[in-house]
Amino acid sequence: MQPLSQNDLLSLETYARQRDDFRTRVLAHKRDRKVRVGEHVTLLFEDRLTIQYQVQEMLRAEKIFEPEGIAEELAAYNPLIPDGANLKCTMLIEYDDVEVRKRELLRLRNIEHDVQLGVGDRVPVKAIADEDLPRSDEQKTAAVHFLRFELDAVMVADFKRGRPVTFRIEHPNYHAEVQLTEAQQKALVADFD
């Protein structure tokens, strides 16, 4: 997938007129790009459209219309677009109760390094986490992480052929596994183009 350029973005005025329709389209697009791994972890797989939406929303919220400001937003968000040999996602650790969330984020330190993607019978690959800055320390982990899964050519081919794809978390305090549905796998296959 190609990174976004300023030419791919709508002006603030045009975006304001099209925002509701654009949002509806993006939410429908995201439906099969959302993967729950256990009860408390969600992986939201990013692509060009989801990142365009995030950039447009940032530009709108911050009222950014100068080329330099737009370029800064693109530089921040473009790394989240897959480049053909990987999948990229936002990982959310979700607990509704604030006190439970605080306790669990302490127990789940470094969980971002324990997420794996398996394709068929191939050896699973571990997520590469938070390349922009570390989000776990001695006190806790963050509730949001950015993950990248690098696949070799054989894994990509197997993924495209419909071999089973599994996400697994093997953390001392959180164990979960999920296999992609057919709709999820079909949605994510496009990230390899």
N, C-alpha and C. Protein backbone atom coordinates (compact mmCIF):
# COMPACT_ATOMS: atom_id res chain seq x y z
N MET A 1 0.84 -1.19 0.00
CA MET A 1 0.00 0.00 0.00
C MET A 1 0.88 1.24 0.00
N GLN A 2 0.46 2.19 -0.76
CA GLN A 2 1.18 3.45 -0.83
C GLN A 2 0.85 4.32 0.38
N PRO A 3 1.84 5.07 0.87
CA PRO A 3 1.53 6.03 1.95
C PRO A 3 0.62 7.13 1.42
N LEU A 4 -0.02 7.81 2.34
CA LEU A 4 -0.88 8.94 1.97
C LEU A 4 -0.03 10.16 1.66
N SER A 5 -0.51 10.97 0.74
CA SER A 5 0.12 12.26 0.46
C SER A 5 -0.93 13.34 0.69
N GLN A 6 -0.51 14.58 0.66
CA GLN A 6 -1.46 15.68 0.84
C GLN A 6 -2.54 15.66 -0.23
N ASN A 7 -2.21 15.16 -1.41
CA ASN A 7 -3.19 15.09 -2.50
C ASN A 7 -4.31 14.10 -2.22
N ASP A 8 -4.08 13.16 -1.31
CA ASP A 8 -5.10 12.16 -0.98
C ASP A 8 -6.12 12.68 0.03
N LEU A 9 -5.83 13.81 0.64
CA LEU A 9 -6.67 14.33 1.71
C LEU A 9 -7.67 15.35 1.20
N LEU A 10 -8.79 15.42 1.88
CA LEU A 10 -9.81 16.41 1.57
C LEU A 10 -9.52 17.70 2.34
N SER A 11 -9.88 18.82 1.74
CA SER A 11 -9.76 20.09 2.48
C SER A 11 -10.69 20.05 3.68
N LEU A 12 -10.45 20.90 4.66
CA LEU A 12 -11.31 20.93 5.84
C LEU A 12 -12.77 21.17 5.47
N GLU A 13 -13.01 22.06 4.52
CA GLU A 13 -14.38 22.38 4.10
C GLU A 13 -15.04 21.18 3.43
N THR A 14 -14.33 20.54 2.51
CA THR A 14 -14.88 19.38 1.81
C THR A 14 -15.11 18.23 2.79
N TYR A 15 -14.16 18.02 3.69
CA TYR A 15 -14.30 16.96 4.67
C TYR A 15 -15.51 17.22 5.57
N ALA A 16 -15.73 18.45 5.97
CA ALA A 16 -16.88 18.77 6.82
C ALA A 16 -18.19 18.37 6.12
N ARG A 17 -18.28 18.61 4.82
CA ARG A 17 -19.49 18.26 4.07
C ARG A 17 -19.64 16.74 3.92
N GLN A 18 -18.53 16.03 3.79
CA GLN A 18 -18.58 14.59 3.51
C GLN A 18 -18.35 13.72 4.75
N ARG A 19 -18.14 14.35 5.90
CA ARG A 19 -17.69 13.62 7.09
C ARG A 19 -18.62 12.47 7.50
N ASP A 20 -19.92 12.71 7.55
CA ASP A 20 -20.84 11.66 8.00
C ASP A 20 -20.79 10.44 7.07
N ASP A 21 -20.81 10.68 5.78
CA ASP A 21 -20.74 9.57 4.82
C ASP A 21 -19.40 8.86 4.89
N PHE A 22 -18.33 9.64 5.02
CA PHE A 22 -16.98 9.05 5.10
C PHE A 22 -16.86 8.19 6.35
N ARG A 23 -17.35 8.70 7.46
CA ARG A 23 -17.31 7.97 8.74
C ARG A 23 -18.08 6.67 8.63
N THR A 24 -19.27 6.71 8.05
CA THR A 24 -20.08 5.51 7.88
C THR A 24 -19.33 4.47 7.05
N ARG A 25 -18.70 4.92 5.98
CA ARG A 25 -17.92 4.02 5.11
C ARG A 25 -16.75 3.39 5.88
N VAL A 26 -16.04 4.20 6.66
CA VAL A 26 -14.88 3.70 7.40
C VAL A 26 -15.32 2.71 8.49
N LEU A 27 -16.40 3.00 9.19
CA LEU A 27 -16.87 2.09 10.23
C LEU A 27 -17.27 0.74 9.64
N ALA A 28 -17.91 0.75 8.49
CA ALA A 28 -18.26 -0.51 7.82
C ALA A 28 -16.99 -1.26 7.40
N HIS A 29 -16.00 -0.52 6.91
CA HIS A 29 -14.72 -1.09 6.48
C HIS A 29 -13.98 -1.72 7.67
N LYS A 30 -14.06 -1.10 8.83
CA LYS A 30 -13.35 -1.58 10.02
C LYS A 30 -13.97 -2.83 10.64
N ARG A 31 -15.23 -3.10 10.33
CA ARG A 31 -15.94 -4.19 11.01
C ARG A 31 -15.17 -5.51 10.95
N ASP A 32 -14.70 -5.90 9.78
CA ASP A 32 -13.98 -7.16 9.65
C ASP A 32 -12.48 -7.01 9.89
N ARG A 33 -12.04 -5.83 10.26
CA ARG A 33 -10.63 -5.58 10.55
C ARG A 33 -10.39 -5.53 12.07
N LYS A 34 -11.41 -5.85 12.83
CA LYS A 34 -11.37 -5.85 14.30
C LYS A 34 -11.33 -7.29 14.78
N VAL A 35 -10.29 -7.63 15.56
CA VAL A 35 -10.09 -9.00 16.02
C VAL A 35 -9.98 -8.99 17.55
N ARG A 36 -10.89 -9.70 18.20
CA ARG A 36 -10.84 -9.84 19.67
C ARG A 36 -9.98 -11.05 20.00
N VAL A 37 -8.98 -10.84 20.85
CA VAL A 37 -8.12 -11.94 21.31
C VAL A 37 -8.38 -12.07 22.80
N GLY A 38 -9.26 -12.97 23.14
CA GLY A 38 -9.67 -13.09 24.53
C GLY A 38 -10.68 -12.01 24.88
N GLU A 39 -10.94 -11.90 26.16
CA GLU A 39 -11.99 -11.00 26.64
C GLU A 39 -11.57 -9.53 26.68
N HIS A 40 -10.26 -9.25 26.77
CA HIS A 40 -9.85 -7.87 27.06
C HIS A 40 -8.87 -7.25 26.06
N VAL A 41 -8.57 -7.94 24.97
CA VAL A 41 -7.64 -7.37 23.98
C VAL A 41 -8.31 -7.35 22.61
N THR A 42 -8.23 -6.20 21.97
CA THR A 42 -8.74 -6.04 20.61
C THR A 42 -7.62 -5.54 19.73
N LEU A 43 -7.50 -6.15 18.56
CA LEU A 43 -6.55 -5.71 17.54
C LEU A 43 -7.35 -5.04 16.43
N LEU A 44 -7.04 -3.77 16.16
CA LEU A 44 -7.70 -3.01 15.09
C LEU A 44 -6.69 -2.84 13.96
N PHE A 45 -6.89 -3.55 12.86
CA PHE A 45 -5.91 -3.54 11.77
C PHE A 45 -6.09 -2.31 10.90
N GLU A 46 -4.97 -1.62 10.74
CA GLU A 46 -4.96 -0.36 10.00
C GLU A 46 -4.64 -0.60 8.53
N ASP A 47 -5.14 0.29 7.69
CA ASP A 47 -4.78 0.33 6.28
C ASP A 47 -4.90 1.78 5.80
N ARG A 48 -4.79 1.96 4.53
CA ARG A 48 -4.78 3.32 3.98
C ARG A 48 -6.06 4.09 4.32
N LEU A 49 -7.21 3.42 4.23
CA LEU A 49 -8.48 4.10 4.50
C LEU A 49 -8.62 4.45 5.98
N THR A 50 -8.27 3.53 6.87
CA THR A 50 -8.41 3.82 8.31
C THR A 50 -7.47 4.95 8.73
N ILE A 51 -6.29 4.97 8.13
CA ILE A 51 -5.33 6.03 8.47
C ILE A 51 -5.77 7.36 7.86
N GLN A 52 -6.31 7.33 6.65
CA GLN A 52 -6.83 8.58 6.08
C GLN A 52 -7.90 9.17 6.99
N TYR A 53 -8.77 8.33 7.50
CA TYR A 53 -9.81 8.80 8.41
C TYR A 53 -9.19 9.42 9.67
N GLN A 54 -8.19 8.75 10.24
CA GLN A 54 -7.55 9.30 11.44
C GLN A 54 -6.89 10.64 11.16
N VAL A 55 -6.22 10.74 10.02
CA VAL A 55 -5.56 12.01 9.67
C VAL A 55 -6.61 13.09 9.44
N GLN A 56 -7.66 12.77 8.69
CA GLN A 56 -8.71 13.77 8.44
C GLN A 56 -9.32 14.26 9.75
N GLU A 57 -9.54 13.33 10.68
CA GLU A 57 -10.12 13.71 11.97
C GLU A 57 -9.15 14.60 12.77
N MET A 58 -7.87 14.28 12.73
CA MET A 58 -6.88 15.12 13.43
C MET A 58 -6.82 16.52 12.82
N LEU A 59 -6.79 16.58 11.51
CA LEU A 59 -6.75 17.89 10.85
C LEU A 59 -7.99 18.70 11.22
N ARG A 60 -9.13 18.05 11.25
CA ARG A 60 -10.38 18.73 11.59
C ARG A 60 -10.35 19.21 13.04
N ALA A 61 -9.98 18.31 13.96
CA ALA A 61 -9.99 18.65 15.39
C ALA A 61 -9.02 19.77 15.71
N GLU A 62 -7.84 19.73 15.09
CA GLU A 62 -6.80 20.72 15.37
C GLU A 62 -6.86 21.92 14.43
N LYS A 63 -7.81 21.88 13.48
CA LYS A 63 -7.96 22.96 12.48
C LYS A 63 -6.64 23.23 11.75
N ILE A 64 -6.04 22.15 11.29
CA ILE A 64 -4.76 22.23 10.58
C ILE A 64 -5.04 22.31 9.09
N PHE A 65 -4.56 23.37 8.46
CA PHE A 65 -4.74 23.51 7.01
C PHE A 65 -3.46 23.96 6.31
N GLU A 66 -2.44 24.30 7.07
CA GLU A 66 -1.16 24.69 6.48
C GLU A 66 -0.42 23.44 6.00
N PRO A 67 0.27 23.52 4.86
CA PRO A 67 0.97 22.33 4.33
C PRO A 67 1.97 21.72 5.31
N GLU A 68 2.66 22.53 6.10
CA GLU A 68 3.64 21.99 7.05
C GLU A 68 2.97 21.16 8.13
N GLY A 69 1.85 21.64 8.64
CA GLY A 69 1.11 20.91 9.67
C GLY A 69 0.54 19.60 9.13
N ILE A 70 0.03 19.65 7.90
CA ILE A 70 -0.50 18.44 7.26
C ILE A 70 0.63 17.43 7.08
N ALA A 71 1.79 17.91 6.64
CA ALA A 71 2.94 17.02 6.44
C ALA A 71 3.35 16.35 7.75
N GLU A 72 3.28 17.08 8.86
CA GLU A 72 3.61 16.50 10.17
C GLU A 72 2.64 15.37 10.54
N GLU A 73 1.35 15.59 10.30
CA GLU A 73 0.36 14.54 10.59
C GLU A 73 0.60 13.32 9.72
N LEU A 74 0.88 13.54 8.44
CA LEU A 74 1.14 12.42 7.54
C LEU A 74 2.40 11.65 7.98
N ALA A 75 3.41 12.37 8.41
CA ALA A 75 4.64 11.71 8.88
C ALA A 75 4.37 10.87 10.12
N ALA A 76 3.46 11.32 10.97
CA ALA A 76 3.14 10.58 12.19
C ALA A 76 2.29 9.33 11.90
N TYR A 77 1.37 9.42 10.95
CA TYR A 77 0.41 8.33 10.72
C TYR A 77 0.79 7.38 9.59
N ASN A 78 1.53 7.83 8.58
CA ASN A 78 1.86 6.95 7.46
C ASN A 78 2.58 5.66 7.87
N PRO A 79 3.42 5.68 8.90
CA PRO A 79 4.07 4.42 9.29
C PRO A 79 3.09 3.32 9.74
N LEU A 80 1.83 3.67 9.98
CA LEU A 80 0.84 2.68 10.40
C LEU A 80 0.17 1.99 9.21
N ILE A 81 0.51 2.38 7.99
CA ILE A 81 -0.05 1.75 6.80
C ILE A 81 0.82 0.56 6.41
N PRO A 82 0.23 -0.63 6.23
CA PRO A 82 1.02 -1.80 5.83
C PRO A 82 1.71 -1.56 4.49
N ASP A 83 2.87 -2.22 4.31
CA ASP A 83 3.62 -1.97 3.07
C ASP A 83 3.70 -3.17 2.14
N GLY A 84 2.83 -4.17 2.36
CA GLY A 84 2.76 -5.31 1.44
C GLY A 84 3.30 -6.61 2.00
N ALA A 85 4.15 -6.56 3.01
CA ALA A 85 4.70 -7.79 3.59
C ALA A 85 4.38 -7.86 5.08
N ASN A 86 3.47 -7.01 5.53
CA ASN A 86 3.16 -6.99 6.95
C ASN A 86 1.72 -6.60 7.21
N LEU A 87 1.31 -6.81 8.44
CA LEU A 87 0.04 -6.32 8.96
C LEU A 87 0.39 -5.37 10.10
N LYS A 88 -0.38 -4.29 10.22
CA LYS A 88 -0.15 -3.33 11.29
C LYS A 88 -1.48 -3.07 11.99
N CYS A 89 -1.40 -2.98 13.32
CA CYS A 89 -2.63 -2.79 14.06
C CYS A 89 -2.41 -1.95 15.31
N THR A 90 -3.52 -1.45 15.81
CA THR A 90 -3.58 -0.82 17.11
C THR A 90 -4.13 -1.87 18.07
N MET A 91 -3.41 -2.13 19.15
CA MET A 91 -3.87 -3.08 20.15
C MET A 91 -4.45 -2.31 21.33
N LEU A 92 -5.68 -2.64 21.68
CA LEU A 92 -6.37 -2.00 22.80
C LEU A 92 -6.54 -3.01 23.92
N ILE A 93 -6.15 -2.63 25.13
CA ILE A 93 -6.39 -3.45 26.31
C ILE A 93 -7.56 -2.79 27.03
N GLU A 94 -8.66 -3.54 27.14
CA GLU A 94 -9.93 -2.92 27.54
C GLU A 94 -10.50 -3.54 28.81
N TYR A 95 -10.64 -2.71 29.83
CA TYR A 95 -11.33 -3.06 31.06
C TYR A 95 -12.23 -1.88 31.40
N ASP A 96 -13.52 -2.14 31.59
CA ASP A 96 -14.47 -1.06 31.84
C ASP A 96 -14.25 -0.37 33.18
N ASP A 97 -13.99 -1.14 34.21
CA ASP A 97 -13.81 -0.60 35.55
C ASP A 97 -12.42 0.03 35.68
N VAL A 98 -12.36 1.28 36.09
CA VAL A 98 -11.10 2.02 36.18
C VAL A 98 -10.11 1.35 37.12
N GLU A 99 -10.56 0.91 38.28
CA GLU A 99 -9.66 0.29 39.25
C GLU A 99 -9.15 -1.06 38.74
N VAL A 100 -10.01 -1.82 38.11
CA VAL A 100 -9.59 -3.10 37.53
C VAL A 100 -8.57 -2.84 36.42
N ARG A 101 -8.85 -1.82 35.59
CA ARG A 101 -7.92 -1.48 34.51
C ARG A 101 -6.54 -1.13 35.05
N LYS A 102 -6.48 -0.33 36.10
CA LYS A 102 -5.18 0.04 36.70
C LYS A 102 -4.43 -1.20 37.16
N ARG A 103 -5.14 -2.08 37.84
CA ARG A 103 -4.52 -3.30 38.36
C ARG A 103 -4.03 -4.20 37.21
N GLU A 104 -4.87 -4.36 36.20
CA GLU A 104 -4.52 -5.26 35.10
C GLU A 104 -3.39 -4.69 34.23
N LEU A 105 -3.35 -3.40 34.03
CA LEU A 105 -2.26 -2.81 33.25
C LEU A 105 -0.92 -2.99 33.95
N LEU A 106 -0.94 -3.07 35.26
CA LEU A 106 0.27 -3.40 36.02
C LEU A 106 0.65 -4.87 35.79
N ARG A 107 -0.32 -5.76 35.86
CA ARG A 107 -0.08 -7.20 35.67
C ARG A 107 0.31 -7.54 34.23
N LEU A 108 -0.10 -6.71 33.27
CA LEU A 108 0.12 -7.03 31.86
C LEU A 108 1.31 -6.30 31.24
N ARG A 109 2.23 -5.85 32.09
CA ARG A 109 3.44 -5.20 31.55
C ARG A 109 4.07 -6.09 30.48
N ASN A 110 4.46 -5.47 29.38
CA ASN A 110 5.15 -6.13 28.26
C ASN A 110 4.28 -7.12 27.47
N ILE A 111 2.98 -7.08 27.63
CA ILE A 111 2.10 -7.95 26.86
C ILE A 111 2.27 -7.74 25.36
N GLU A 112 2.64 -6.53 24.98
CA GLU A 112 2.80 -6.22 23.55
C GLU A 112 3.87 -7.06 22.87
N HIS A 113 4.75 -7.64 23.65
CA HIS A 113 5.82 -8.48 23.10
C HIS A 113 5.43 -9.96 23.07
N ASP A 114 4.23 -10.27 23.53
CA ASP A 114 3.78 -11.66 23.61
C ASP A 114 2.63 -11.96 22.66
N VAL A 115 2.45 -11.13 21.64
CA VAL A 115 1.39 -11.34 20.65
C VAL A 115 2.01 -12.00 19.43
N GLN A 116 1.37 -13.07 18.96
CA GLN A 116 1.90 -13.83 17.82
C GLN A 116 0.84 -13.99 16.74
N LEU A 117 1.31 -14.14 15.51
CA LEU A 117 0.45 -14.43 14.37
C LEU A 117 0.94 -15.71 13.75
N GLY A 118 0.05 -16.68 13.58
CA GLY A 118 0.39 -17.94 12.93
C GLY A 118 -0.42 -18.11 11.66
N VAL A 119 0.22 -18.65 10.62
CA VAL A 119 -0.46 -18.94 9.37
C VAL A 119 -0.24 -20.42 9.07
N GLY A 120 -1.35 -21.16 9.02
CA GLY A 120 -1.26 -22.60 8.77
C GLY A 120 -0.35 -23.26 9.79
N ASP A 121 0.57 -24.10 9.28
CA ASP A 121 1.48 -24.80 10.19
C ASP A 121 2.85 -24.14 10.27
N ARG A 122 2.95 -22.91 9.77
CA ARG A 122 4.22 -22.17 9.82
C ARG A 122 4.52 -21.72 11.26
N VAL A 123 5.80 -21.52 11.54
CA VAL A 123 6.20 -21.01 12.85
C VAL A 123 5.61 -19.60 13.01
N PRO A 124 4.90 -19.33 14.09
CA PRO A 124 4.30 -18.00 14.28
C PRO A 124 5.36 -16.90 14.35
N VAL A 125 4.95 -15.69 13.96
CA VAL A 125 5.82 -14.53 14.09
C VAL A 125 5.33 -13.70 15.27
N LYS A 126 6.28 -13.13 15.99
CA LYS A 126 5.94 -12.25 17.12
C LYS A 126 5.75 -10.83 16.61
N ALA A 127 4.88 -10.12 17.29
CA ALA A 127 4.64 -8.72 16.96
C ALA A 127 5.87 -7.89 17.28
N ILE A 128 6.13 -6.91 16.45
CA ILE A 128 7.12 -5.87 16.73
C ILE A 128 6.29 -4.71 17.27
N ALA A 129 6.60 -4.29 18.48
CA ALA A 129 5.71 -3.37 19.20
C ALA A 129 6.30 -1.98 19.38
N ASP A 130 5.41 -1.00 19.28
CA ASP A 130 5.68 0.37 19.72
C ASP A 130 7.02 0.91 19.23
N GLU A 131 7.18 0.95 17.92
CA GLU A 131 8.44 1.43 17.36
C GLU A 131 8.63 2.93 17.54
N ASP A 132 7.53 3.64 17.81
CA ASP A 132 7.66 5.09 18.00
C ASP A 132 8.21 5.42 19.38
N LEU A 133 7.74 4.71 20.42
CA LEU A 133 8.24 4.89 21.78
C LEU A 133 7.73 3.77 22.67
N PRO A 134 8.49 3.41 23.69
CA PRO A 134 8.05 2.32 24.58
C PRO A 134 6.79 2.70 25.34
N ARG A 135 5.91 1.76 25.53
CA ARG A 135 4.65 2.01 26.23
C ARG A 135 4.49 1.15 27.49
N SER A 136 5.51 0.36 27.80
CA SER A 136 5.52 -0.38 29.07
C SER A 136 6.73 0.07 29.87
N ASP A 137 6.55 0.16 31.19
CA ASP A 137 7.67 0.47 32.07
C ASP A 137 7.54 -0.40 33.31
N GLU A 138 8.28 -0.11 34.34
CA GLU A 138 8.24 -0.93 35.55
C GLU A 138 6.91 -0.82 36.29
N GLN A 139 6.16 0.25 36.02
CA GLN A 139 4.91 0.47 36.74
C GLN A 139 3.71 -0.19 36.06
N LYS A 140 3.65 -0.11 34.70
CA LYS A 140 2.46 -0.61 34.01
C LYS A 140 2.73 -0.64 32.51
N THR A 141 1.74 -1.15 31.80
CA THR A 141 1.74 -1.05 30.35
C THR A 141 0.67 -0.04 29.97
N ALA A 142 0.74 0.45 28.77
CA ALA A 142 -0.28 1.37 28.27
C ALA A 142 -1.49 0.56 27.81
N ALA A 143 -2.63 1.21 27.71
CA ALA A 143 -3.83 0.55 27.23
C ALA A 143 -3.85 0.48 25.71
N VAL A 144 -2.96 1.23 25.05
CA VAL A 144 -2.90 1.26 23.58
C VAL A 144 -1.47 1.00 23.13
N HIS A 145 -1.32 0.09 22.18
CA HIS A 145 -0.01 -0.23 21.59
C HIS A 145 -0.16 -0.29 20.08
N PHE A 146 0.95 -0.11 19.37
CA PHE A 146 0.98 -0.23 17.92
C PHE A 146 1.87 -1.42 17.57
N LEU A 147 1.30 -2.38 16.84
CA LEU A 147 2.00 -3.62 16.53
C LEU A 147 2.18 -3.79 15.02
N ARG A 148 3.27 -4.45 14.67
CA ARG A 148 3.55 -4.79 13.27
C ARG A 148 3.92 -6.26 13.23
N PHE A 149 3.34 -6.99 12.29
CA PHE A 149 3.65 -8.40 12.08
C PHE A 149 4.30 -8.54 10.71
N GLU A 150 5.57 -8.94 10.69
CA GLU A 150 6.31 -9.13 9.43
C GLU A 150 6.18 -10.59 9.00
N LEU A 151 5.68 -10.80 7.78
CA LEU A 151 5.50 -12.14 7.25
C LEU A 151 6.45 -12.37 6.09
N ASP A 152 6.98 -13.59 5.98
CA ASP A 152 7.80 -13.90 4.81
C ASP A 152 6.88 -14.22 3.63
N ALA A 153 7.47 -14.40 2.46
CA ALA A 153 6.70 -14.61 1.23
C ALA A 153 5.82 -15.86 1.31
N VAL A 154 6.32 -16.91 1.94
CA VAL A 154 5.55 -18.16 2.06
C VAL A 154 4.32 -17.93 2.95
N MET A 155 4.50 -17.23 4.06
CA MET A 155 3.37 -16.95 4.95
C MET A 155 2.33 -16.09 4.25
N VAL A 156 2.78 -15.08 3.50
CA VAL A 156 1.85 -14.22 2.77
C VAL A 156 1.06 -15.06 1.76
N ALA A 157 1.75 -15.93 1.02
CA ALA A 157 1.08 -16.78 0.04
C ALA A 157 0.06 -17.69 0.72
N ASP A 158 0.43 -18.28 1.85
CA ASP A 158 -0.49 -19.15 2.59
C ASP A 158 -1.68 -18.35 3.11
N PHE A 159 -1.44 -17.15 3.59
CA PHE A 159 -2.50 -16.27 4.07
C PHE A 159 -3.48 -16.01 2.93
N LYS A 160 -2.96 -15.66 1.76
CA LYS A 160 -3.81 -15.37 0.59
C LYS A 160 -4.57 -16.61 0.12
N ARG A 161 -3.98 -17.79 0.28
CA ARG A 161 -4.64 -19.05 -0.13
C ARG A 161 -5.73 -19.48 0.85
N GLY A 162 -5.84 -18.78 1.96
CA GLY A 162 -6.89 -19.11 2.91
C GLY A 162 -6.50 -20.09 3.99
N ARG A 163 -5.18 -20.33 4.16
CA ARG A 163 -4.75 -21.18 5.27
C ARG A 163 -5.19 -20.52 6.58
N PRO A 164 -5.51 -21.29 7.61
CA PRO A 164 -5.98 -20.71 8.87
C PRO A 164 -4.96 -19.71 9.45
N VAL A 165 -5.49 -18.58 9.92
CA VAL A 165 -4.66 -17.54 10.53
C VAL A 165 -5.11 -17.39 11.98
N THR A 166 -4.13 -17.46 12.89
CA THR A 166 -4.41 -17.42 14.31
C THR A 166 -3.60 -16.31 14.97
N PHE A 167 -4.25 -15.60 15.89
CA PHE A 167 -3.55 -14.66 16.76
C PHE A 167 -3.57 -15.24 18.16
N ARG A 168 -2.41 -15.20 18.81
CA ARG A 168 -2.26 -15.79 20.12
C ARG A 168 -1.51 -14.81 21.02
N ILE A 169 -1.94 -14.75 22.26
CA ILE A 169 -1.21 -13.99 23.28
C ILE A 169 -0.78 -14.98 24.35
N GLU A 170 0.53 -15.05 24.58
CA GLU A 170 1.09 -15.95 25.59
C GLU A 170 1.88 -15.12 26.60
N HIS A 171 1.15 -14.42 27.43
CA HIS A 171 1.72 -13.60 28.49
C HIS A 171 1.49 -14.34 29.81
N PRO A 172 2.39 -14.22 30.77
CA PRO A 172 2.18 -14.93 32.04
C PRO A 172 0.81 -14.68 32.68
N ASN A 173 0.22 -13.50 32.44
CA ASN A 173 -1.06 -13.17 33.06
C ASN A 173 -2.21 -13.03 32.07
N TYR A 174 -1.99 -13.44 30.82
CA TYR A 174 -3.06 -13.35 29.82
C TYR A 174 -2.77 -14.34 28.71
N HIS A 175 -3.63 -15.34 28.59
CA HIS A 175 -3.51 -16.35 27.54
C HIS A 175 -4.80 -16.35 26.74
N ALA A 176 -4.67 -16.18 25.44
CA ALA A 176 -5.85 -16.21 24.58
C ALA A 176 -5.41 -16.51 23.15
N GLU A 177 -6.34 -17.07 22.40
CA GLU A 177 -6.07 -17.40 21.00
C GLU A 177 -7.36 -17.26 20.22
N VAL A 178 -7.26 -16.79 18.98
CA VAL A 178 -8.43 -16.69 18.12
C VAL A 178 -8.01 -16.95 16.68
N GLN A 179 -8.85 -17.63 15.96
CA GLN A 179 -8.62 -17.84 14.52
C GLN A 179 -9.48 -16.84 13.77
N LEU A 180 -8.92 -16.23 12.72
CA LEU A 180 -9.68 -15.28 11.93
C LEU A 180 -10.87 -15.96 11.28
N THR A 181 -11.96 -15.22 11.19
CA THR A 181 -13.09 -15.70 10.42
C THR A 181 -12.75 -15.53 8.94
N GLU A 182 -13.53 -16.13 8.09
CA GLU A 182 -13.32 -15.99 6.66
C GLU A 182 -13.41 -14.52 6.23
N ALA A 183 -14.38 -13.79 6.79
CA ALA A 183 -14.55 -12.37 6.45
C ALA A 183 -13.36 -11.55 6.92
N GLN A 184 -12.85 -11.83 8.13
CA GLN A 184 -11.68 -11.10 8.63
C GLN A 184 -10.46 -11.38 7.76
N GLN A 185 -10.26 -12.64 7.42
CA GLN A 185 -9.09 -12.99 6.61
C GLN A 185 -9.17 -12.33 5.23
N LYS A 186 -10.35 -12.33 4.65
CA LYS A 186 -10.53 -11.68 3.35
C LYS A 186 -10.23 -10.18 3.43
N ALA A 187 -10.68 -9.55 4.51
CA ALA A 187 -10.43 -8.11 4.69
C ALA A 187 -8.93 -7.83 4.81
N LEU A 188 -8.21 -8.66 5.56
CA LEU A 188 -6.79 -8.41 5.81
C LEU A 188 -5.90 -8.81 4.63
N VAL A 189 -6.36 -9.70 3.78
CA VAL A 189 -5.56 -10.10 2.60
C VAL A 189 -5.21 -8.88 1.75
N ALA A 190 -6.13 -7.93 1.69
CA ALA A 190 -5.89 -6.73 0.87
C ALA A 190 -4.66 -5.95 1.34
N ASP A 191 -4.23 -6.13 2.59
CA ASP A 191 -3.08 -5.40 3.12
C ASP A 191 -1.78 -5.87 2.50
N PHE A 192 -1.80 -6.99 1.81
CA PHE A 192 -0.57 -7.50 1.19
C PHE A 192 -0.41 -7.03 -0.26
N ASP A 193 -1.34 -6.21 -0.73
CA ASP A 193 -1.23 -5.68 -2.10
C ASP A 193 -0.55 -4.34 -2.14
